[in-house]
Amino acid sequence: MGSFSIWHWLIVLVIVLLLFGAGKLPNVMGDIAKGVKAFKAGLKDEDEANPPAATTAQAPPAAINPAPTQPVQTQPADPAKPHQG
């Protein structure tokens, strides 16, 4: 119910071809690819302009001492007693 079958994808493909035409489809895909490349270049430029704080001098992490644990004593369930409740 939540997934698309092959028929759904074929109908979407036919609608896209009708709207854009077979000749315009490569141009549209090329424009999308250019937009994605520009977006990635913008992200890369932003990362170079603002280096993360991890590259600066870091203080050593504080030693973490876990609290002492107490062993838990388990007992097997008694199969002779029926469960009440």
PDB file of N, CA and C in Angstrom:
ATOM      1  N   MET A   1       0.816  -1.182   0.000  1.00  0.00           N
ATOM      2  CA  MET A   1       0.000   0.000   0.000  1.00  0.00           C
ATOM      3  C   MET A   1       0.867   1.257   0.000  1.00  0.00           C
ATOM      4  N   GLY A   2       2.016   1.226   0.652  1.00  0.00           N
ATOM      5  CA  GLY A   2       2.876   2.387   0.730  1.00  0.00           C
ATOM      6  C   GLY A   2       3.917   2.439  -0.378  1.00  0.00           C
ATOM      7  N   SER A   3       4.096   1.364  -1.123  1.00  0.00           N
ATOM      8  CA  SER A   3       5.110   1.359  -2.166  1.00  0.00           C
ATOM      9  C   SER A   3       4.463   1.544  -3.534  1.00  0.00           C
ATOM     10  N   PHE A   4       5.267   2.012  -4.463  1.00  0.00           N
ATOM     11  CA  PHE A   4       4.781   2.228  -5.819  1.00  0.00           C
ATOM     12  C   PHE A   4       5.075   0.997  -6.662  1.00  0.00           C
ATOM     13  N   SER A   5       4.121   0.625  -7.493  1.00  0.00           N
ATOM     14  CA  SER A   5       4.333  -0.504  -8.389  1.00  0.00           C
ATOM     15  C   SER A   5       4.894   0.022  -9.706  1.00  0.00           C
ATOM     16  N   ILE A   6       5.203  -0.877 -10.601  1.00  0.00           N
ATOM     17  CA  ILE A   6       5.740  -0.490 -11.906  1.00  0.00           C
ATOM     18  C   ILE A   6       4.730   0.343 -12.681  1.00  0.00           C
ATOM     19  N   TRP A   7       3.440   0.083 -12.470  1.00  0.00           N
ATOM     20  CA  TRP A   7       2.411   0.834 -13.188  1.00  0.00           C
ATOM     21  C   TRP A   7       2.380   2.290 -12.744  1.00  0.00           C
ATOM     22  N   HIS A   8       2.601   2.537 -11.475  1.00  0.00           N
ATOM     23  CA  HIS A   8       2.650   3.922 -10.996  1.00  0.00           C
ATOM     24  C   HIS A   8       3.790   4.681 -11.677  1.00  0.00           C
ATOM     25  N   TRP A   9       4.968   4.044 -11.739  1.00  0.00           N
ATOM     26  CA  TRP A   9       6.124   4.702 -12.344  1.00  0.00           C
ATOM     27  C   TRP A   9       5.916   4.922 -13.847  1.00  0.00           C
ATOM     28  N   LEU A  10       5.284   3.983 -14.524  1.00  0.00           N
ATOM     29  CA  LEU A  10       5.021   4.158 -15.955  1.00  0.00           C
ATOM     30  C   LEU A  10       4.066   5.319 -16.203  1.00  0.00           C
ATOM     31  N   ILE A  11       3.046   5.451 -15.368  1.00  0.00           N
ATOM     32  CA  ILE A  11       2.101   6.566 -15.521  1.00  0.00           C
ATOM     33  C   ILE A  11       2.809   7.894 -15.275  1.00  0.00           C
ATOM     34  N   VAL A  12       3.660   7.958 -14.264  1.00  0.00           N
ATOM     35  CA  VAL A  12       4.416   9.187 -13.990  1.00  0.00           C
ATOM     36  C   VAL A  12       5.325   9.513 -15.167  1.00  0.00           C
ATOM     37  N   LEU A  13       5.982   8.510 -15.737  1.00  0.00           N
ATOM     38  CA  LEU A  13       6.863   8.730 -16.882  1.00  0.00           C
ATOM     39  C   LEU A  13       6.091   9.263 -18.081  1.00  0.00           C
ATOM     40  N   VAL A  14       4.918   8.712 -18.357  1.00  0.00           N
ATOM     41  CA  VAL A  14       4.094   9.183 -19.475  1.00  0.00           C
ATOM     42  C   VAL A  14       3.667  10.630 -19.250  1.00  0.00           C
ATOM     43  N   ILE A  15       3.284  10.973 -18.034  1.00  0.00           N
ATOM     44  CA  ILE A  15       2.867  12.351 -17.746  1.00  0.00           C
ATOM     45  C   ILE A  15       4.033  13.313 -17.922  1.00  0.00           C
ATOM     46  N   VAL A  16       5.218  12.931 -17.462  1.00  0.00           N
ATOM     47  CA  VAL A  16       6.397  13.786 -17.622  1.00  0.00           C
ATOM     48  C   VAL A  16       6.719  13.972 -19.094  1.00  0.00           C
ATOM     49  N   LEU A  17       6.654  12.899 -19.868  1.00  0.00           N
ATOM     50  CA  LEU A  17       6.930  13.020 -21.300  1.00  0.00           C
ATOM     51  C   LEU A  17       5.899  13.898 -21.993  1.00  0.00           C
ATOM     52  N   LEU A  18       4.634  13.814 -21.586  1.00  0.00           N
ATOM     53  CA  LEU A  18       3.605  14.662 -22.182  1.00  0.00           C
ATOM     54  C   LEU A  18       3.804  16.129 -21.819  1.00  0.00           C
ATOM     55  N   LEU A  19       4.195  16.395 -20.588  1.00  0.00           N
ATOM     56  CA  LEU A  19       4.369  17.782 -20.157  1.00  0.00           C
ATOM     57  C   LEU A  19       5.597  18.431 -20.783  1.00  0.00           C
ATOM     58  N   PHE A  20       6.715  17.740 -20.768  1.00  0.00           N
ATOM     59  CA  PHE A  20       7.960  18.338 -21.223  1.00  0.00           C
ATOM     60  C   PHE A  20       8.309  17.984 -22.657  1.00  0.00           C
ATOM     61  N   GLY A  21       7.808  16.893 -23.151  1.00  0.00           N
ATOM     62  CA  GLY A  21       8.174  16.454 -24.490  1.00  0.00           C
ATOM     63  C   GLY A  21       9.523  15.764 -24.465  1.00  0.00           C
ATOM     64  N   ALA A  22       9.753  14.900 -25.424  1.00  0.00           N
ATOM     65  CA  ALA A  22      10.997  14.135 -25.459  1.00  0.00           C
ATOM     66  C   ALA A  22      12.195  15.024 -25.763  1.00  0.00           C
ATOM     67  N   GLY A  23      11.993  16.115 -26.486  1.00  0.00           N
ATOM     68  CA  GLY A  23      13.103  16.997 -26.840  1.00  0.00           C
ATOM     69  C   GLY A  23      13.564  17.870 -25.690  1.00  0.00           C
ATOM     70  N   LYS A  24      12.649  18.282 -24.831  1.00  0.00           N
ATOM     71  CA  LYS A  24      13.003  19.178 -23.734  1.00  0.00           C
ATOM     72  C   LYS A  24      13.554  18.435 -22.523  1.00  0.00           C
ATOM     73  N   LEU A  25      13.297  17.151 -22.433  1.00  0.00           N
ATOM     74  CA  LEU A  25      13.696  16.389 -21.254  1.00  0.00           C
ATOM     75  C   LEU A  25      15.212  16.415 -21.009  1.00  0.00           C
ATOM     76  N   PRO A  26      16.077  16.231 -22.015  1.00  0.00           N
ATOM     77  CA  PRO A  26      17.523  16.323 -21.758  1.00  0.00           C
ATOM     78  C   PRO A  26      17.943  17.709 -21.266  1.00  0.00           C
ATOM     79  N   ASN A  27      17.296  18.755 -21.786  1.00  0.00           N
ATOM     80  CA  ASN A  27      17.628  20.108 -21.335  1.00  0.00           C
ATOM     81  C   ASN A  27      17.254  20.301 -19.867  1.00  0.00           C
ATOM     82  N   VAL A  28      16.097  19.785 -19.491  1.00  0.00           N
ATOM     83  CA  VAL A  28      15.650  19.907 -18.103  1.00  0.00           C
ATOM     84  C   VAL A  28      16.603  19.151 -17.181  1.00  0.00           C
ATOM     85  N   MET A  29      16.989  17.951 -17.570  1.00  0.00           N
ATOM     86  CA  MET A  29      17.904  17.168 -16.743  1.00  0.00           C
ATOM     87  C   MET A  29      19.274  17.842 -16.651  1.00  0.00           C
ATOM     88  N   GLY A  30      19.727  18.460 -17.736  1.00  0.00           N
ATOM     89  CA  GLY A  30      20.994  19.194 -17.708  1.00  0.00           C
ATOM     90  C   GLY A  30      20.928  20.381 -16.764  1.00  0.00           C
ATOM     91  N   ASP A  31      19.799  21.090 -16.764  1.00  0.00           N
ATOM     92  CA  ASP A  31      19.631  22.220 -15.852  1.00  0.00           C
ATOM     93  C   ASP A  31      19.624  21.757 -14.397  1.00  0.00           C
ATOM     94  N   ILE A  32      18.995  20.624 -14.143  1.00  0.00           N
ATOM     95  CA  ILE A  32      18.982  20.082 -12.781  1.00  0.00           C
ATOM     96  C   ILE A  32      20.400  19.707 -12.358  1.00  0.00           C
ATOM     97  N   ALA A  33      21.160  19.097 -13.253  1.00  0.00           N
ATOM     98  CA  ALA A  33      22.533  18.712 -12.932  1.00  0.00           C
ATOM     99  C   ALA A  33      23.394  19.939 -12.648  1.00  0.00           C
ATOM    100  N   LYS A  34      23.221  21.002 -13.421  1.00  0.00           N
ATOM    101  CA  LYS A  34      23.972  22.239 -13.175  1.00  0.00           C
ATOM    102  C   LYS A  34      23.612  22.828 -11.816  1.00  0.00           C
ATOM    103  N   GLY A  35      22.349  22.773 -11.469  1.00  0.00           N
ATOM    104  CA  GLY A  35      21.919  23.286 -10.167  1.00  0.00           C
ATOM    105  C   GLY A  35      22.517  22.500  -9.018  1.00  0.00           C
ATOM    106  N   VAL A  36      22.571  21.177  -9.164  1.00  0.00           N
ATOM    107  CA  VAL A  36      23.153  20.335  -8.115  1.00  0.00           C
ATOM    108  C   VAL A  36      24.644  20.623  -7.977  1.00  0.00           C
ATOM    109  N   LYS A  37      25.346  20.784  -9.101  1.00  0.00           N
ATOM    110  CA  LYS A  37      26.776  21.089  -9.054  1.00  0.00           C
ATOM    111  C   LYS A  37      27.024  22.437  -8.398  1.00  0.00           C
ATOM    112  N   ALA A  38      26.201  23.430  -8.716  1.00  0.00           N
ATOM    113  CA  ALA A  38      26.352  24.747  -8.104  1.00  0.00           C
ATOM    114  C   ALA A  38      26.086  24.680  -6.603  1.00  0.00           C
ATOM    115  N   PHE A  39      25.103  23.901  -6.211  1.00  0.00           N
ATOM    116  CA  PHE A  39      24.791  23.742  -4.792  1.00  0.00           C
ATOM    117  C   PHE A  39      25.964  23.110  -4.048  1.00  0.00           C
ATOM    118  N   LYS A  40      26.544  22.050  -4.622  1.00  0.00           N
ATOM    119  CA  LYS A  40      27.681  21.390  -3.984  1.00  0.00           C
ATOM    120  C   LYS A  40      28.887  22.322  -3.912  1.00  0.00           C
ATOM    121  N   ALA A  41      29.114  23.103  -4.968  1.00  0.00           N
ATOM    122  CA  ALA A  41      30.228  24.049  -4.955  1.00  0.00           C
ATOM    123  C   ALA A  41      30.013  25.106  -3.875  1.00  0.00           C
ATOM    124  N   GLY A  42      28.786  25.559  -3.702  1.00  0.00           N
ATOM    125  CA  GLY A  42      28.485  26.530  -2.652  1.00  0.00           C
ATOM    126  C   GLY A  42      28.734  25.963  -1.270  1.00  0.00           C
ATOM    127  N   LEU A  43      28.373  24.706  -1.060  1.00  0.00           N
ATOM    128  CA  LEU A  43      28.633  24.072   0.233  1.00  0.00           C
ATOM    129  C   LEU A  43      30.129  23.925   0.481  1.00  0.00           C
ATOM    130  N   LYS A  44      30.874  23.584  -0.561  1.00  0.00           N
ATOM    131  CA  LYS A  44      32.315  23.410  -0.423  1.00  0.00           C
ATOM    132  C   LYS A  44      32.981  24.743  -0.105  1.00  0.00           C
ATOM    133  N   ASP A  45      32.562  25.811  -0.777  1.00  0.00           N
ATOM    134  CA  ASP A  45      33.118  27.134  -0.513  1.00  0.00           C
ATOM    135  C   ASP A  45      32.813  27.573   0.913  1.00  0.00           C
ATOM    136  N   GLU A  46      31.622  27.280   1.387  1.00  0.00           N
ATOM    137  CA  GLU A  46      31.238  27.651   2.748  1.00  0.00           C
ATOM    138  C   GLU A  46      32.078  26.894   3.769  1.00  0.00           C
ATOM    139  N   ASP A  47      32.354  25.621   3.501  1.00  0.00           N
ATOM    140  CA  ASP A  47      33.169  24.824   4.416  1.00  0.00           C
ATOM    141  C   ASP A  47      34.602  25.341   4.458  1.00  0.00           C
ATOM    142  N   GLU A  48      35.132  25.781   3.323  1.00  0.00           N
ATOM    143  CA  GLU A  48      36.494  26.303   3.289  1.00  0.00           C
ATOM    144  C   GLU A  48      36.577  27.646   4.000  1.00  0.00           C
ATOM    145  N   ALA A  49      35.533  28.460   3.924  1.00  0.00           N
ATOM    146  CA  ALA A  49      35.531  29.770   4.566  1.00  0.00           C
ATOM    147  C   ALA A  49      35.403  29.647   6.077  1.00  0.00           C
ATOM    148  N   ASN A  50      34.662  28.675   6.560  1.00  0.00           N
ATOM    149  CA  ASN A  50      34.441  28.473   7.990  1.00  0.00           C
ATOM    150  C   ASN A  50      34.947  27.097   8.389  1.00  0.00           C
ATOM    151  N   PRO A  51      36.244  26.986   8.743  1.00  0.00           N
ATOM    152  CA  PRO A  51      36.737  25.662   9.135  1.00  0.00           C
ATOM    153  C   PRO A  51      36.075  25.224  10.430  1.00  0.00           C
ATOM    154  N   PRO A  52      35.833  23.946  10.583  1.00  0.00           N
ATOM    155  CA  PRO A  52      35.185  23.458  11.804  1.00  0.00           C
ATOM    156  C   PRO A  52      36.090  23.646  13.015  1.00  0.00           C
ATOM    157  N   ALA A  53      35.492  23.708  14.182  1.00  0.00           N
ATOM    158  CA  ALA A  53      36.237  23.911  15.419  1.00  0.00           C
ATOM    159  C   ALA A  53      37.116  22.709  15.749  1.00  0.00           C
ATOM    160  N   ALA A  54      36.869  21.577  15.138  1.00  0.00           N
ATOM    161  CA  ALA A  54      37.641  20.368  15.421  1.00  0.00           C
ATOM    162  C   ALA A  54      39.085  20.499  14.963  1.00  0.00           C
ATOM    163  N   THR A  55      39.383  21.381  13.986  1.00  0.00           N
ATOM    164  CA  THR A  55      40.743  21.523  13.499  1.00  0.00           C
ATOM    165  C   THR A  55      41.561  22.437  14.395  1.00  0.00           C
ATOM    166  N   THR A  56      40.937  23.191  15.279  1.00  0.00           N
ATOM    167  CA  THR A  56      41.667  24.050  16.199  1.00  0.00           C
ATOM    168  C   THR A  56      42.185  23.211  17.358  1.00  0.00           C
ATOM    169  N   ALA A  57      42.973  23.833  18.230  1.00  0.00           N
ATOM    170  CA  ALA A  57      43.534  23.113  19.374  1.00  0.00           C
ATOM    171  C   ALA A  57      42.413  22.588  20.259  1.00  0.00           C
ATOM    172  N   GLN A  58      42.565  21.348  20.654  1.00  0.00           N
ATOM    173  CA  GLN A  58      41.534  20.727  21.469  1.00  0.00           C
ATOM    174  C   GLN A  58      42.102  20.375  22.835  1.00  0.00           C
ATOM    175  N   ALA A  59      41.266  20.491  23.848  1.00  0.00           N
ATOM    176  CA  ALA A  59      41.645  20.058  25.185  1.00  0.00           C
ATOM    177  C   ALA A  59      41.462  18.550  25.258  1.00  0.00           C
ATOM    178  N   PRO A  60      42.328  17.868  25.994  1.00  0.00           N
ATOM    179  CA  PRO A  60      42.143  16.417  26.102  1.00  0.00           C
ATOM    180  C   PRO A  60      40.836  16.117  26.822  1.00  0.00           C
ATOM    181  N   PRO A  61      40.173  15.061  26.439  1.00  0.00           N
ATOM    182  CA  PRO A  61      38.897  14.739  27.087  1.00  0.00           C
ATOM    183  C   PRO A  61      39.112  14.375  28.552  1.00  0.00           C
ATOM    184  N   ALA A  62      38.152  14.748  29.367  1.00  0.00           N
ATOM    185  CA  ALA A  62      38.227  14.444  30.793  1.00  0.00           C
ATOM    186  C   ALA A  62      38.071  12.944  30.998  1.00  0.00           C
ATOM    187  N   ALA A  63      38.787  12.434  31.981  1.00  0.00           N
ATOM    188  CA  ALA A  63      38.697  11.004  32.273  1.00  0.00           C
ATOM    189  C   ALA A  63      37.334  10.710  32.880  1.00  0.00           C
ATOM    190  N   ILE A  64      36.705   9.704  32.371  1.00  0.00           N
ATOM    191  CA  ILE A  64      35.381   9.332  32.851  1.00  0.00           C
ATOM    192  C   ILE A  64      35.532   8.068  33.683  1.00  0.00           C
ATOM    193  N   ASN A  65      35.155   8.171  34.945  1.00  0.00           N
ATOM    194  CA  ASN A  65      35.202   7.011  35.832  1.00  0.00           C
ATOM    195  C   ASN A  65      33.785   6.529  36.041  1.00  0.00           C
ATOM    196  N   PRO A  66      33.456   5.365  35.520  1.00  0.00           N
ATOM    197  CA  PRO A  66      32.092   4.880  35.709  1.00  0.00           C
ATOM    198  C   PRO A  66      31.847   4.525  37.172  1.00  0.00           C
ATOM    199  N   ALA A  67      30.623   4.704  37.596  1.00  0.00           N
ATOM    200  CA  ALA A  67      30.249   4.369  38.963  1.00  0.00           C
ATOM    201  C   ALA A  67      30.368   2.863  39.153  1.00  0.00           C
ATOM    202  N   PRO A  68      30.844   2.445  40.322  1.00  0.00           N
ATOM    203  CA  PRO A  68      30.954   0.996  40.540  1.00  0.00           C
ATOM    204  C   PRO A  68      29.576   0.357  40.502  1.00  0.00           C
ATOM    205  N   THR A  69      29.521  -0.771  39.879  1.00  0.00           N
ATOM    206  CA  THR A  69      28.241  -1.461  39.745  1.00  0.00           C
ATOM    207  C   THR A  69      28.172  -2.610  40.726  1.00  0.00           C
ATOM    208  N   GLN A  70      26.973  -2.932  41.123  1.00  0.00           N
ATOM    209  CA  GLN A  70      26.765  -4.061  42.009  1.00  0.00           C
ATOM    210  C   GLN A  70      26.226  -5.217  41.179  1.00  0.00           C
ATOM    211  N   PRO A  71      26.736  -6.412  41.416  1.00  0.00           N
ATOM    212  CA  PRO A  71      26.228  -7.545  40.636  1.00  0.00           C
ATOM    213  C   PRO A  71      24.772  -7.830  40.995  1.00  0.00           C
ATOM    214  N   VAL A  72      24.032  -8.201  40.005  1.00  0.00           N
ATOM    215  CA  VAL A  72      22.624  -8.525  40.188  1.00  0.00           C
ATOM    216  C   VAL A  72      22.508 -10.034  40.272  1.00  0.00           C
ATOM    217  N   GLN A  73      21.841 -10.489  41.303  1.00  0.00           N
ATOM    218  CA  GLN A  73      21.683 -11.924  41.479  1.00  0.00           C
ATOM    219  C   GLN A  73      20.332 -12.321  40.899  1.00  0.00           C
ATOM    220  N   THR A  74      20.367 -13.206  39.938  1.00  0.00           N
ATOM    221  CA  THR A  74      19.126 -13.638  39.301  1.00  0.00           C
ATOM    222  C   THR A  74      18.789 -15.045  39.739  1.00  0.00           C
ATOM    223  N   GLN A  75      17.516 -15.299  39.819  1.00  0.00           N
ATOM    224  CA  GLN A  75      17.048 -16.626  40.172  1.00  0.00           C
ATOM    225  C   GLN A  75      16.144 -17.114  39.051  1.00  0.00           C
ATOM    226  N   PRO A  76      16.263 -18.370  38.688  1.00  0.00           N
ATOM    227  CA  PRO A  76      15.390 -18.879  37.630  1.00  0.00           C
ATOM    228  C   PRO A  76      13.939 -18.911  38.115  1.00  0.00           C
ATOM    229  N   ALA A  77      13.039 -18.726  37.199  1.00  0.00           N
ATOM    230  CA  ALA A  77      11.617 -18.754  37.529  1.00  0.00           C
ATOM    231  C   ALA A  77      11.217 -20.157  37.938  1.00  0.00           C
ATOM    232  N   ASP A  78      10.317 -20.233  38.881  1.00  0.00           N
ATOM    233  CA  ASP A  78       9.841 -21.527  39.362  1.00  0.00           C
ATOM    234  C   ASP A  78       8.737 -22.010  38.425  1.00  0.00           C
ATOM    235  N   PRO A  79       8.973 -23.052  37.630  1.00  0.00           N
ATOM    236  CA  PRO A  79       7.957 -23.492  36.669  1.00  0.00           C
ATOM    237  C   PRO A  79       6.750 -24.129  37.339  1.00  0.00           C
ATOM    238  N   ALA A  80       6.852 -24.501  38.632  1.00  0.00           N
ATOM    239  CA  ALA A  80       5.732 -25.155  39.301  1.00  0.00           C
ATOM    240  C   ALA A  80       4.646 -24.160  39.699  1.00  0.00           C
ATOM    241  N   LYS A  81       5.008 -22.863  39.856  1.00  0.00           N
ATOM    242  CA  LYS A  81       4.024 -21.868  40.275  1.00  0.00           C
ATOM    243  C   LYS A  81       3.326 -21.291  39.044  1.00  0.00           C
ATOM    244  N   PRO A  82       2.002 -21.321  39.010  1.00  0.00           N
ATOM    245  CA  PRO A  82       1.292 -20.689  37.889  1.00  0.00           C
ATOM    246  C   PRO A  82       1.304 -19.173  38.063  1.00  0.00           C
ATOM    247  N   HIS A  83       1.272 -18.491  36.964  1.00  0.00           N
ATOM    248  CA  HIS A  83       1.273 -17.028  36.973  1.00  0.00           C
ATOM    249  C   HIS A  83      -0.100 -16.519  37.388  1.00  0.00           C
ATOM    250  N   GLN A  84      -0.130 -15.637  38.380  1.00  0.00           N
ATOM    251  CA  GLN A  84      -1.398 -15.083  38.856  1.00  0.00           C
ATOM    252  C   GLN A  84      -1.470 -13.627  38.443  1.00  0.00           C
ATOM    253  N   GLY A  85      -2.590 -13.194  37.906  1.00  0.00           N
ATOM    254  CA  GLY A  85      -2.717 -11.792  37.643  1.00  0.00           C
ATOM    255  C   GLY A  85      -3.430 -11.512  36.434  1.00  0.00           C
TER     256      GLY A  85
END
